[in-house]
Amino acid sequence: MPGHPGGITALAFRPDSLTLASTGADGFVRLWNMEDGRKSKQWRAHSAASLDVAYASDGRLATCGSDGVAKMWDPNGLELRTFPSMGDWVYRVAFTPDAQQIVAGAWTGALSIFEAETGAVLGTLTTSTR
């Protein structure tokens, strides 16, 4: 499955397991058809490295990157929302089980909870002891 020219930073299966999403140091998201192993879609998600990808139960995707932001995408790669900058590399992103919120974790130790529909910051937690 050739695709990312550099390192692959994260993988996530769509809930039906028929599509695998990959992100990489090249800033792209690539979607792979698991029936034949072919790349079905790709798009530039972040201006630098794309560090994580997650699927929601409805097929939307969330990504985050070294550009300091998390983003939400429709299943075809249309950007739905860029969430407020977290000020440093954002390493992890996840949807809540009901897909109503996105949680993102940054290098600083901050966890931000965003409302998926509006992009509003619902809360921020600090996990760092520095």
Protein backbone atom coordinates (compact mmCIF):
# COMPACT_ATOMS: atom_id res chain seq x y z
CA MET A 1 0.00 0.00 0.00
CA PRO A 2 2.42 2.72 -1.13
CA GLY A 3 1.32 6.23 -0.32
CA HIS A 4 3.06 8.26 2.39
CA PRO A 5 6.59 9.20 1.34
CA GLY A 6 7.72 9.52 4.98
CA GLY A 7 6.69 8.18 8.33
CA ILE A 8 3.15 7.05 9.06
CA THR A 9 2.02 8.59 12.34
CA ALA A 10 -1.43 7.03 12.93
CA LEU A 11 -3.99 4.54 11.65
CA ALA A 12 -7.72 4.24 12.28
CA PHE A 13 -10.40 1.92 10.93
CA ARG A 14 -13.81 3.23 9.91
CA PRO A 15 -16.41 1.62 12.21
CA ASP A 16 -17.42 -0.92 9.51
CA SER A 17 -13.73 -1.92 9.05
CA LEU A 18 -13.96 -1.49 5.26
CA THR A 19 -11.72 1.60 5.18
CA LEU A 20 -8.43 2.33 6.90
CA ALA A 21 -7.31 5.94 7.39
CA SER A 22 -3.61 6.74 7.65
CA THR A 23 -1.85 10.00 8.48
CA GLY A 24 1.74 10.89 8.04
CA ALA A 25 4.62 13.27 8.38
CA ASP A 26 3.68 14.60 4.92
CA GLY A 27 0.49 16.19 6.36
CA PHE A 28 -1.86 14.00 4.33
CA VAL A 29 -4.73 11.70 5.22
CA ARG A 30 -5.07 8.70 2.97
CA LEU A 31 -8.04 6.33 2.93
CA TRP A 32 -7.49 2.71 1.96
CA ASN A 33 -10.10 0.24 0.72
CA MET A 34 -9.62 -2.92 2.78
CA GLU A 35 -11.20 -5.18 0.17
CA ASP A 36 -8.50 -4.55 -2.44
CA GLY A 37 -5.80 -2.53 -0.60
CA ARG A 38 -6.09 0.43 -2.95
CA LYS A 39 -5.99 4.06 -1.93
CA SER A 40 -9.49 5.50 -2.37
CA LYS A 41 -8.94 9.14 -1.29
CA GLN A 42 -6.27 11.49 -0.03
CA TRP A 43 -6.09 15.11 1.04
CA ARG A 44 -3.71 17.50 2.78
CA ALA A 45 -5.01 17.73 6.34
CA HIS A 46 -2.29 19.86 7.94
CA SER A 47 0.39 22.27 6.75
CA ALA A 48 3.08 20.13 8.39
CA ALA A 49 2.88 16.66 9.96
CA SER A 50 -0.52 15.12 10.56
CA LEU A 51 -0.06 13.24 13.83
CA ASP A 52 -3.32 11.40 14.57
CA VAL A 53 -6.61 10.40 13.00
CA ALA A 54 -9.85 9.13 14.52
CA TYR A 55 -13.22 8.03 13.13
CA ALA A 56 -16.62 8.93 14.52
CA SER A 57 -19.44 6.40 14.46
CA ASP A 58 -21.02 8.30 11.55
CA GLY A 59 -17.90 8.21 9.35
CA ARG A 60 -16.57 11.71 10.04
CA LEU A 61 -12.87 11.95 10.77
CA ALA A 62 -10.82 14.08 13.13
CA THR A 63 -7.14 14.84 12.67
CA CYS A 64 -4.51 16.83 14.52
CA GLY A 65 -1.05 17.97 13.69
CA SER A 66 2.18 19.77 14.34
CA ASP A 67 0.46 22.98 13.18
CA GLY A 68 -1.26 23.11 16.60
CA VAL A 69 -4.83 22.42 15.52
CA ALA A 70 -7.39 19.65 15.37
CA LYS A 71 -9.76 19.44 12.41
CA MET A 72 -12.93 17.59 11.49
CA TRP A 73 -13.63 16.16 8.03
CA ASP A 74 -16.53 14.56 6.23
CA PRO A 75 -15.92 11.03 4.87
CA ASN A 76 -14.88 12.47 1.47
CA GLY A 77 -12.20 14.80 2.83
CA LEU A 78 -14.23 18.01 2.93
CA GLU A 79 -13.05 20.11 5.88
CA LEU A 80 -15.97 20.69 8.24
CA ARG A 81 -14.19 22.57 10.98
CA THR A 82 -10.82 23.74 12.26
CA PHE A 83 -10.84 23.95 16.04
CA PRO A 84 -9.07 26.77 17.94
CA SER A 85 -5.30 26.47 18.06
CA MET A 86 -3.85 24.72 21.08
CA GLY A 87 -0.57 26.62 20.74
CA ASP A 88 1.72 23.62 20.28
CA TRP A 89 1.83 20.28 18.51
CA VAL A 90 -1.43 18.37 18.95
CA TYR A 91 -0.56 14.69 19.25
CA ARG A 92 -3.86 12.92 19.88
CA VAL A 93 -7.47 13.36 18.89
CA ALA A 94 -10.62 11.32 19.64
CA PHE A 95 -14.37 11.55 19.30
CA THR A 96 -16.60 10.89 22.28
CA PRO A 97 -18.74 7.75 21.77
CA ASP A 98 -21.76 9.87 20.73
CA ALA A 99 -19.54 11.91 18.33
CA GLN A 100 -20.79 15.18 19.84
CA GLN A 101 -17.38 16.25 21.16
CA ILE A 102 -13.78 15.95 20.12
CA VAL A 103 -10.96 15.71 22.66
CA ALA A 104 -7.46 16.75 21.62
CA GLY A 105 -4.19 16.49 23.53
CA ALA A 106 -1.21 18.79 22.98
CA TRP A 107 2.51 18.57 23.71
CA THR A 108 2.00 21.04 26.59
CA GLY A 109 -0.10 18.49 28.48
CA ALA A 110 -3.35 20.32 27.77
CA LEU A 111 -6.49 18.42 26.83
CA SER A 112 -9.15 20.46 25.07
CA ILE A 113 -12.74 19.36 24.64
CA PHE A 114 -14.46 20.86 21.60
CA GLU A 115 -18.11 20.75 20.61
CA ALA A 116 -18.13 19.09 17.19
CA GLU A 117 -21.12 21.01 15.84
CA THR A 118 -19.99 24.56 16.68
CA GLY A 119 -16.27 24.25 17.41
CA ALA A 120 -16.74 25.83 20.83
CA VAL A 121 -14.19 25.00 23.52
CA LEU A 122 -16.16 23.21 26.22
CA GLY A 123 -13.23 22.86 28.58
CA THR A 124 -9.50 22.51 28.97
CA LEU A 125 -7.66 20.25 31.39
CA THR A 126 -3.98 20.43 32.26
CA THR A 127 -2.32 17.09 32.74
CA SER A 128 1.29 18.27 32.95
CA THR A 129 3.02 18.50 36.33
CA ARG A 130 5.65 20.90 34.98
